PDB file of all heavy atoms in Angstrom:
ATOM      1  N   ASP A   1     333.263 173.654 196.884  1.00  0.00           N
ATOM      2  CA  ASP A   1     331.906 173.442 197.433  1.00  0.00           C
ATOM      3  C   ASP A   1     331.041 172.643 196.472  1.00  0.00           C
ATOM      4  O   ASP A   1     330.978 173.014 195.314  1.00  0.00           O
ATOM      5  CB  ASP A   1     331.315 174.805 197.745  1.00  0.00           C
ATOM      6  CG  ASP A   1     329.910 174.648 198.381  1.00  0.00           C
ATOM      7  OD1 ASP A   1     329.820 174.196 199.613  1.00  0.00           O
ATOM      8  OD2 ASP A   1     328.899 174.949 197.708  1.00  0.00           O
ATOM      9  N   LEU A   2     330.417 171.581 196.953  1.00  0.00           N
ATOM     10  CA  LEU A   2     329.669 170.680 196.122  1.00  0.00           C
ATOM     11  C   LEU A   2     328.428 171.407 195.518  1.00  0.00           C
ATOM     12  O   LEU A   2     328.088 171.200 194.354  1.00  0.00           O
ATOM     13  CB  LEU A   2     329.245 169.463 196.849  1.00  0.00           C
ATOM     14  CG  LEU A   2     330.396 168.496 197.236  1.00  0.00           C
ATOM     15  CD1 LEU A   2     329.947 167.272 197.981  1.00  0.00           C
ATOM     16  CD2 LEU A   2     331.239 168.044 196.041  1.00  0.00           C
ATOM     17  N   ALA A   3     327.777 172.204 196.360  1.00  0.00           N
ATOM     18  CA  ALA A   3     326.560 172.955 195.876  1.00  0.00           C
ATOM     19  C   ALA A   3     326.933 173.861 194.776  1.00  0.00           C
ATOM     20  O   ALA A   3     326.193 174.021 193.771  1.00  0.00           O
ATOM     21  CB  ALA A   3     325.917 173.642 197.083  1.00  0.00           C
ATOM     22  N   THR A   4     328.022 174.548 194.886  1.00  0.00           N
ATOM     23  CA  THR A   4     328.490 175.459 193.829  1.00  0.00           C
ATOM     24  C   THR A   4     328.941 174.724 192.586  1.00  0.00           C
ATOM     25  O   THR A   4     328.658 175.098 191.461  1.00  0.00           O
ATOM     26  CB  THR A   4     329.656 176.363 194.294  1.00  0.00           C
ATOM     27  OG1 THR A   4     329.262 176.995 195.569  1.00  0.00           O
ATOM     28  CG2 THR A   4     330.028 177.398 193.295  1.00  0.00           C
ATOM     29  N   LEU A   5     329.632 173.534 192.845  1.00  0.00           N
ATOM     30  CA  LEU A   5     329.990 172.706 191.685  1.00  0.00           C
ATOM     31  C   LEU A   5     328.756 172.262 190.850  1.00  0.00           C
ATOM     32  O   LEU A   5     328.847 172.232 189.646  1.00  0.00           O
ATOM     33  CB  LEU A   5     330.728 171.500 192.138  1.00  0.00           C
ATOM     34  CG  LEU A   5     332.250 171.660 192.443  1.00  0.00           C
ATOM     35  CD1 LEU A   5     332.832 170.305 192.991  1.00  0.00           C
ATOM     36  CD2 LEU A   5     333.022 172.005 191.216  1.00  0.00           C
ATOM     37  N   ALA A   6     327.668 172.004 191.545  1.00  0.00           N
ATOM     38  CA  ALA A   6     326.507 171.503 190.849  1.00  0.00           C
ATOM     39  C   ALA A   6     325.988 172.498 189.820  1.00  0.00           C
ATOM     40  O   ALA A   6     325.340 172.157 188.858  1.00  0.00           O
ATOM     41  CB  ALA A   6     325.374 171.198 191.885  1.00  0.00           C
ATOM     42  N   THR A   7     326.233 173.781 190.036  1.00  0.00           N
ATOM     43  CA  THR A   7     325.766 174.847 189.135  1.00  0.00           C
ATOM     44  C   THR A   7     326.790 175.311 188.102  1.00  0.00           C
ATOM     45  O   THR A   7     326.499 175.850 187.112  1.00  0.00           O
ATOM     46  CB  THR A   7     325.232 176.068 189.950  1.00  0.00           C
ATOM     47  OG1 THR A   7     326.367 176.567 190.681  1.00  0.00           O
ATOM     48  CG2 THR A   7     324.134 175.685 190.870  1.00  0.00           C
ATOM     49  N   THR A   8     328.069 174.971 188.439  1.00  0.00           N
ATOM     50  CA  THR A   8     329.104 175.474 187.603  1.00  0.00           C
ATOM     51  C   THR A   8     329.803 174.350 186.773  1.00  0.00           C
ATOM     52  O   THR A   8     330.310 174.631 185.645  1.00  0.00           O
ATOM     53  CB  THR A   8     330.259 176.149 188.423  1.00  0.00           C
ATOM     54  OG1 THR A   8     330.802 175.263 189.352  1.00  0.00           O
ATOM     55  CG2 THR A   8     329.748 177.369 189.097  1.00  0.00           C
ATOM     56  N   ALA A   9     329.735 173.122 187.250  1.00  0.00           N
ATOM     57  CA  ALA A   9     330.407 172.095 186.487  1.00  0.00           C
ATOM     58  C   ALA A   9     329.353 171.347 185.589  1.00  0.00           C
ATOM     59  O   ALA A   9     328.561 170.544 186.029  1.00  0.00           O
ATOM     60  CB  ALA A   9     330.994 171.033 187.448  1.00  0.00           C
ATOM     61  N   THR A  10     329.341 171.659 184.338  1.00  0.00           N
ATOM     62  CA  THR A  10     328.442 171.080 183.383  1.00  0.00           C
ATOM     63  C   THR A  10     329.181 170.602 182.159  1.00  0.00           C
ATOM     64  O   THR A  10     330.306 171.074 181.845  1.00  0.00           O
ATOM     65  CB  THR A  10     327.364 172.063 182.948  1.00  0.00           C
ATOM     66  OG1 THR A  10     327.948 173.150 182.214  1.00  0.00           O
ATOM     67  CG2 THR A  10     326.634 172.701 184.103  1.00  0.00           C
ATOM     68  N   SER A  11     328.631 169.666 181.440  1.00  0.00           N
ATOM     69  CA  SER A  11     329.264 169.101 180.301  1.00  0.00           C
ATOM     70  C   SER A  11     329.155 170.033 179.043  1.00  0.00           C
ATOM     71  O   SER A  11     329.669 169.634 177.995  1.00  0.00           O
ATOM     72  CB  SER A  11     328.639 167.706 179.977  1.00  0.00           C
ATOM     73  OG  SER A  11     327.252 167.876 179.801  1.00  0.00           O
ATOM     74  N   SER A  12     328.531 171.148 179.230  1.00  0.00           N
ATOM     75  CA  SER A  12     328.427 172.078 178.134  1.00  0.00           C
ATOM     76  C   SER A  12     329.192 173.405 178.393  1.00  0.00           C
ATOM     77  O   SER A  12     328.980 174.355 177.701  1.00  0.00           O
ATOM     78  CB  SER A  12     326.943 172.379 177.786  1.00  0.00           C
ATOM     79  OG  SER A  12     326.320 172.899 178.945  1.00  0.00           O
ATOM     80  N   GLY A  13     329.995 173.442 179.483  1.00  0.00           N
ATOM     81  CA  GLY A  13     330.711 174.646 179.822  1.00  0.00           C
ATOM     82  C   GLY A  13     331.995 174.805 179.028  1.00  0.00           C
ATOM     83  O   GLY A  13     332.349 173.988 178.196  1.00  0.00           O
ATOM     84  N   GLU A  14     332.699 175.915 179.355  1.00  0.00           N
ATOM     85  CA  GLU A  14     333.942 176.225 178.639  1.00  0.00           C
ATOM     86  C   GLU A  14     335.055 175.254 178.955  1.00  0.00           C
ATOM     87  O   GLU A  14     335.877 174.921 178.124  1.00  0.00           O
ATOM     88  CB  GLU A  14     334.338 177.669 178.953  1.00  0.00           C
ATOM     89  CG  GLU A  14     333.394 178.745 178.534  1.00  0.00           C
ATOM     90  CD  GLU A  14     333.833 180.094 178.897  1.00  0.00           C
ATOM     91  OE1 GLU A  14     334.915 180.175 179.522  1.00  0.00           O
ATOM     92  OE2 GLU A  14     333.116 181.100 178.539  1.00  0.00           O
ATOM     93  N   ASN A  15     335.127 174.742 180.176  1.00  0.00           N
ATOM     94  CA  ASN A  15     336.173 173.876 180.613  1.00  0.00           C
ATOM     95  C   ASN A  15     335.846 172.461 180.642  1.00  0.00           C
ATOM     96  O   ASN A  15     336.267 171.648 181.449  1.00  0.00           O
ATOM     97  CB  ASN A  15     336.710 174.328 182.010  1.00  0.00           C
ATOM     98  CG  ASN A  15     337.282 175.732 182.037  1.00  0.00           C
ATOM     99  OD1 ASN A  15     337.957 176.131 181.128  1.00  0.00           O
ATOM    100  ND2 ASN A  15     336.968 176.468 183.032  1.00  0.00           N
ATOM    101  N   VAL A  16     335.015 172.016 179.685  1.00  0.00           N
ATOM    102  CA  VAL A  16     334.434 170.675 179.723  1.00  0.00           C
ATOM    103  C   VAL A  16     335.541 169.619 179.666  1.00  0.00           C
ATOM    104  O   VAL A  16     335.458 168.565 180.343  1.00  0.00           O
ATOM    105  CB  VAL A  16     333.420 170.446 178.591  1.00  0.00           C
ATOM    106  CG1 VAL A  16     334.029 170.700 177.203  1.00  0.00           C
ATOM    107  CG2 VAL A  16     332.752 169.086 178.638  1.00  0.00           C
ATOM    108  N   GLN A  17     336.574 169.853 178.876  1.00  0.00           N
ATOM    109  CA  GLN A  17     337.655 168.835 178.696  1.00  0.00           C
ATOM    110  C   GLN A  17     338.390 168.655 179.970  1.00  0.00           C
ATOM    111  O   GLN A  17     338.727 167.553 180.436  1.00  0.00           O
ATOM    112  CB  GLN A  17     338.568 169.195 177.580  1.00  0.00           C
ATOM    113  CG  GLN A  17     337.964 169.103 176.202  1.00  0.00           C
ATOM    114  CD  GLN A  17     338.933 169.404 175.073  1.00  0.00           C
ATOM    115  OE1 GLN A  17     339.946 170.060 175.287  1.00  0.00           O
ATOM    116  NE2 GLN A  17     338.602 168.970 173.854  1.00  0.00           N
ATOM    117  N   MET A  18     338.685 169.811 180.671  1.00  0.00           N
ATOM    118  CA  MET A  18     339.341 169.700 181.961  1.00  0.00           C
ATOM    119  C   MET A  18     338.503 169.053 183.030  1.00  0.00           C
ATOM    120  O   MET A  18     338.981 168.256 183.809  1.00  0.00           O
ATOM    121  CB  MET A  18     339.797 171.113 182.413  1.00  0.00           C
ATOM    122  CG  MET A  18     340.603 171.106 183.720  1.00  0.00           C
ATOM    123  SD  MET A  18     341.097 172.817 184.185  1.00  0.00           S
ATOM    124  CE  MET A  18     342.182 173.225 182.881  1.00  0.00           C
ATOM    125  N   LEU A  19     337.194 169.368 183.001  1.00  0.00           N
ATOM    126  CA  LEU A  19     336.280 168.767 183.936  1.00  0.00           C
ATOM    127  C   LEU A  19     336.201 167.231 183.759  1.00  0.00           C
ATOM    128  O   LEU A  19     336.237 166.456 184.679  1.00  0.00           O
ATOM    129  CB  LEU A  19     334.918 169.365 183.825  1.00  0.00           C
ATOM    130  CG  LEU A  19     334.743 170.795 184.399  1.00  0.00           C
ATOM    131  CD1 LEU A  19     333.392 171.356 183.994  1.00  0.00           C
ATOM    132  CD2 LEU A  19     334.863 170.850 185.916  1.00  0.00           C
ATOM    133  N   MET A  20     336.112 166.804 182.496  1.00  0.00           N
ATOM    134  CA  MET A  20     336.036 165.362 182.237  1.00  0.00           C
ATOM    135  C   MET A  20     337.319 164.673 182.622  1.00  0.00           C
ATOM    136  O   MET A  20     337.299 163.539 183.091  1.00  0.00           O
ATOM    137  CB  MET A  20     335.733 165.116 180.730  1.00  0.00           C
ATOM    138  CG  MET A  20     334.299 165.464 180.390  1.00  0.00           C
ATOM    139  SD  MET A  20     333.124 164.452 181.211  1.00  0.00           S
ATOM    140  CE  MET A  20     331.585 165.024 180.597  1.00  0.00           C
ATOM    141  N   PHE A  21     338.456 165.353 182.412  1.00  0.00           N
ATOM    142  CA  PHE A  21     339.752 164.788 182.804  1.00  0.00           C
ATOM    143  C   PHE A  21     339.771 164.595 184.318  1.00  0.00           C
ATOM    144  O   PHE A  21     340.218 163.520 184.782  1.00  0.00           O
ATOM    145  CB  PHE A  21     340.821 165.700 182.314  1.00  0.00           C
ATOM    146  CG  PHE A  21     342.219 165.133 182.434  1.00  0.00           C
ATOM    147  CD1 PHE A  21     342.622 164.015 181.788  1.00  0.00           C
ATOM    148  CD2 PHE A  21     343.123 165.733 183.361  1.00  0.00           C
ATOM    149  CE1 PHE A  21     343.901 163.491 181.895  1.00  0.00           C
ATOM    150  CE2 PHE A  21     344.423 165.185 183.508  1.00  0.00           C
ATOM    151  CZ  PHE A  21     344.829 164.111 182.792  1.00  0.00           C
ATOM    152  N   GLY A  22     339.332 165.592 185.030  1.00  0.00           N
ATOM    153  CA  GLY A  22     339.304 165.459 186.484  1.00  0.00           C
ATOM    154  C   GLY A  22     338.325 164.407 186.938  1.00  0.00           C
ATOM    155  O   GLY A  22     338.556 163.676 187.908  1.00  0.00           O
ATOM    156  N   LEU A  23     337.206 164.314 186.244  1.00  0.00           N
ATOM    157  CA  LEU A  23     336.200 163.354 186.622  1.00  0.00           C
ATOM    158  C   LEU A  23     336.705 161.903 186.472  1.00  0.00           C
ATOM    159  O   LEU A  23     336.400 161.038 187.328  1.00  0.00           O
ATOM    160  CB  LEU A  23     334.960 163.495 185.665  1.00  0.00           C
ATOM    161  CG  LEU A  23     333.819 162.471 185.840  1.00  0.00           C
ATOM    162  CD1 LEU A  23     333.188 162.578 187.227  1.00  0.00           C
ATOM    163  CD2 LEU A  23     332.740 162.639 184.759  1.00  0.00           C
ATOM    164  N   VAL A  24     337.556 161.648 185.450  1.00  0.00           N
ATOM    165  CA  VAL A  24     338.095 160.319 185.337  1.00  0.00           C
ATOM    166  C   VAL A  24     338.926 159.929 186.589  1.00  0.00           C
ATOM    167  O   VAL A  24     338.813 158.789 187.071  1.00  0.00           O
ATOM    168  CB  VAL A  24     338.962 160.223 184.048  1.00  0.00           C
ATOM    169  CG1 VAL A  24     339.789 158.927 184.031  1.00  0.00           C
ATOM    170  CG2 VAL A  24     338.157 160.349 182.833  1.00  0.00           C
ATOM    171  N   PHE A  25     339.706 160.860 187.104  1.00  0.00           N
ATOM    172  CA  PHE A  25     340.532 160.537 188.279  1.00  0.00           C
ATOM    173  C   PHE A  25     339.595 160.340 189.521  1.00  0.00           C
ATOM    174  O   PHE A  25     339.904 159.504 190.362  1.00  0.00           O
ATOM    175  CB  PHE A  25     341.554 161.626 188.491  1.00  0.00           C
ATOM    176  CG  PHE A  25     342.684 161.615 187.584  1.00  0.00           C
ATOM    177  CD1 PHE A  25     342.775 162.337 186.410  1.00  0.00           C
ATOM    178  CD2 PHE A  25     343.802 160.797 187.903  1.00  0.00           C
ATOM    179  CE1 PHE A  25     343.827 162.205 185.573  1.00  0.00           C
ATOM    180  CE2 PHE A  25     344.861 160.727 187.024  1.00  0.00           C
ATOM    181  CZ  PHE A  25     344.894 161.464 185.854  1.00  0.00           C
ATOM    182  N   LEU A  26     338.549 161.064 189.587  1.00  0.00           N
ATOM    183  CA  LEU A  26     337.594 160.895 190.696  1.00  0.00           C
ATOM    184  C   LEU A  26     337.003 159.525 190.663  1.00  0.00           C
ATOM    185  O   LEU A  26     336.879 158.810 191.632  1.00  0.00           O
ATOM    186  CB  LEU A  26     336.487 161.970 190.664  1.00  0.00           C
ATOM    187  CG  LEU A  26     336.788 163.347 191.110  1.00  0.00           C
ATOM    188  CD1 LEU A  26     335.505 164.188 191.063  1.00  0.00           C
ATOM    189  CD2 LEU A  26     337.370 163.415 192.463  1.00  0.00           C
ATOM    190  N   ILE A  27     336.613 159.054 189.439  1.00  0.00           N
ATOM    191  CA  ILE A  27     335.972 157.742 189.275  1.00  0.00           C
ATOM    192  C   ILE A  27     336.982 156.648 189.652  1.00  0.00           C
ATOM    193  O   ILE A  27     336.627 155.677 190.252  1.00  0.00           O
ATOM    194  CB  ILE A  27     335.443 157.602 187.875  1.00  0.00           C
ATOM    195  CG1 ILE A  27     334.313 158.601 187.552  1.00  0.00           C
ATOM    196  CG2 ILE A  27     334.974 156.165 187.674  1.00  0.00           C
ATOM    197  CD1 ILE A  27     333.060 158.355 188.404  1.00  0.00           C
ATOM    198  N   VAL A  28     338.240 156.857 189.274  1.00  0.00           N
ATOM    199  CA  VAL A  28     339.251 155.896 189.629  1.00  0.00           C
ATOM    200  C   VAL A  28     339.354 155.739 191.139  1.00  0.00           C
ATOM    201  O   VAL A  28     339.444 154.593 191.687  1.00  0.00           O
ATOM    202  CB  VAL A  28     340.618 156.278 188.986  1.00  0.00           C
ATOM    203  CG1 VAL A  28     341.692 155.387 189.556  1.00  0.00           C
ATOM    204  CG2 VAL A  28     340.583 156.075 187.447  1.00  0.00           C
ATOM    205  N   GLY A  29     339.442 156.844 191.814  1.00  0.00           N
ATOM    206  CA  GLY A  29     339.519 156.791 193.278  1.00  0.00           C
ATOM    207  C   GLY A  29     338.281 156.144 193.851  1.00  0.00           C
ATOM    208  O   GLY A  29     338.379 155.316 194.825  1.00  0.00           O
ATOM    209  N   LEU A  30     337.107 156.458 193.389  1.00  0.00           N
ATOM    210  CA  LEU A  30     335.881 155.855 193.871  1.00  0.00           C
ATOM    211  C   LEU A  30     335.853 154.321 193.620  1.00  0.00           C
ATOM    212  O   LEU A  30     335.501 153.556 194.491  1.00  0.00           O
ATOM    213  CB  LEU A  30     334.669 156.509 193.158  1.00  0.00           C
ATOM    214  CG  LEU A  30     334.219 157.819 193.742  1.00  0.00           C
ATOM    215  CD1 LEU A  30     333.147 158.399 192.752  1.00  0.00           C
ATOM    216  CD2 LEU A  30     333.558 157.681 195.117  1.00  0.00           C
ATOM    217  N   ALA A  31     336.276 153.995 192.375  1.00  0.00           N
ATOM    218  CA  ALA A  31     336.270 152.556 192.053  1.00  0.00           C
ATOM    219  C   ALA A  31     337.201 151.748 192.952  1.00  0.00           C
ATOM    220  O   ALA A  31     336.891 150.608 193.315  1.00  0.00           O
ATOM    221  CB  ALA A  31     336.666 152.396 190.587  1.00  0.00           C
ATOM    222  N   PHE A  32     338.368 152.296 193.303  1.00  0.00           N
ATOM    223  CA  PHE A  32     339.244 151.577 194.162  1.00  0.00           C
ATOM    224  C   PHE A  32     338.623 151.405 195.582  1.00  0.00           C
ATOM    225  O   PHE A  32     338.719 150.340 196.170  1.00  0.00           O
ATOM    226  CB  PHE A  32     340.550 152.324 194.284  1.00  0.00           C
ATOM    227  CG  PHE A  32     341.530 151.696 195.270  1.00  0.00           C
ATOM    228  CD1 PHE A  32     342.379 150.663 194.899  1.00  0.00           C
ATOM    229  CD2 PHE A  32     341.539 151.998 196.655  1.00  0.00           C
ATOM    230  CE1 PHE A  32     343.275 150.068 195.779  1.00  0.00           C
ATOM    231  CE2 PHE A  32     342.366 151.422 197.547  1.00  0.00           C
ATOM    232  CZ  PHE A  32     343.253 150.463 197.088  1.00  0.00           C
ATOM    233  N   LYS A  33     338.008 152.451 196.063  1.00  0.00           N
ATOM    234  CA  LYS A  33     337.444 152.343 197.464  1.00  0.00           C
ATOM    235  C   LYS A  33     336.278 151.282 197.498  1.00  0.00           C
ATOM    236  O   LYS A  33     336.077 150.665 198.460  1.00  0.00           O
ATOM    237  CB  LYS A  33     336.933 153.678 197.912  1.00  0.00           C
ATOM    238  CG  LYS A  33     338.040 154.765 198.012  1.00  0.00           C
ATOM    239  CD  LYS A  33     339.203 154.250 198.933  1.00  0.00           C
ATOM    240  CE  LYS A  33     340.304 155.203 198.993  1.00  0.00           C
ATOM    241  NZ  LYS A  33     341.514 154.682 199.810  1.00  0.00           N
ATOM    242  N   PHE A  34     335.609 151.189 196.396  1.00  0.00           N
ATOM    243  CA  PHE A  34     334.538 150.205 196.246  1.00  0.00           C
ATOM    244  C   PHE A  34     335.131 148.801 196.007  1.00  0.00           C
ATOM    245  O   PHE A  34     334.438 147.797 196.334  1.00  0.00           O
ATOM    246  CB  PHE A  34     333.514 150.585 195.172  1.00  0.00           C
ATOM    247  CG  PHE A  34     332.422 151.416 195.594  1.00  0.00           C
ATOM    248  CD1 PHE A  34     332.451 152.781 195.272  1.00  0.00           C
ATOM    249  CD2 PHE A  34     331.318 150.983 196.283  1.00  0.00           C
ATOM    250  CE1 PHE A  34     331.434 153.661 195.679  1.00  0.00           C
ATOM    251  CE2 PHE A  34     330.302 151.802 196.665  1.00  0.00           C
ATOM    252  CZ  PHE A  34     330.343 153.146 196.394  1.00  0.00           C
TER     253      PHE A  34
END
């Protein structure tokens, strides 16, 4: 859920490295579609 992600996915959380790793793949997908 995006609303829940907004409160749980932060760059200062415990899983920041995993989140950033996932974010890179999201950006790649977005960049291709654009």
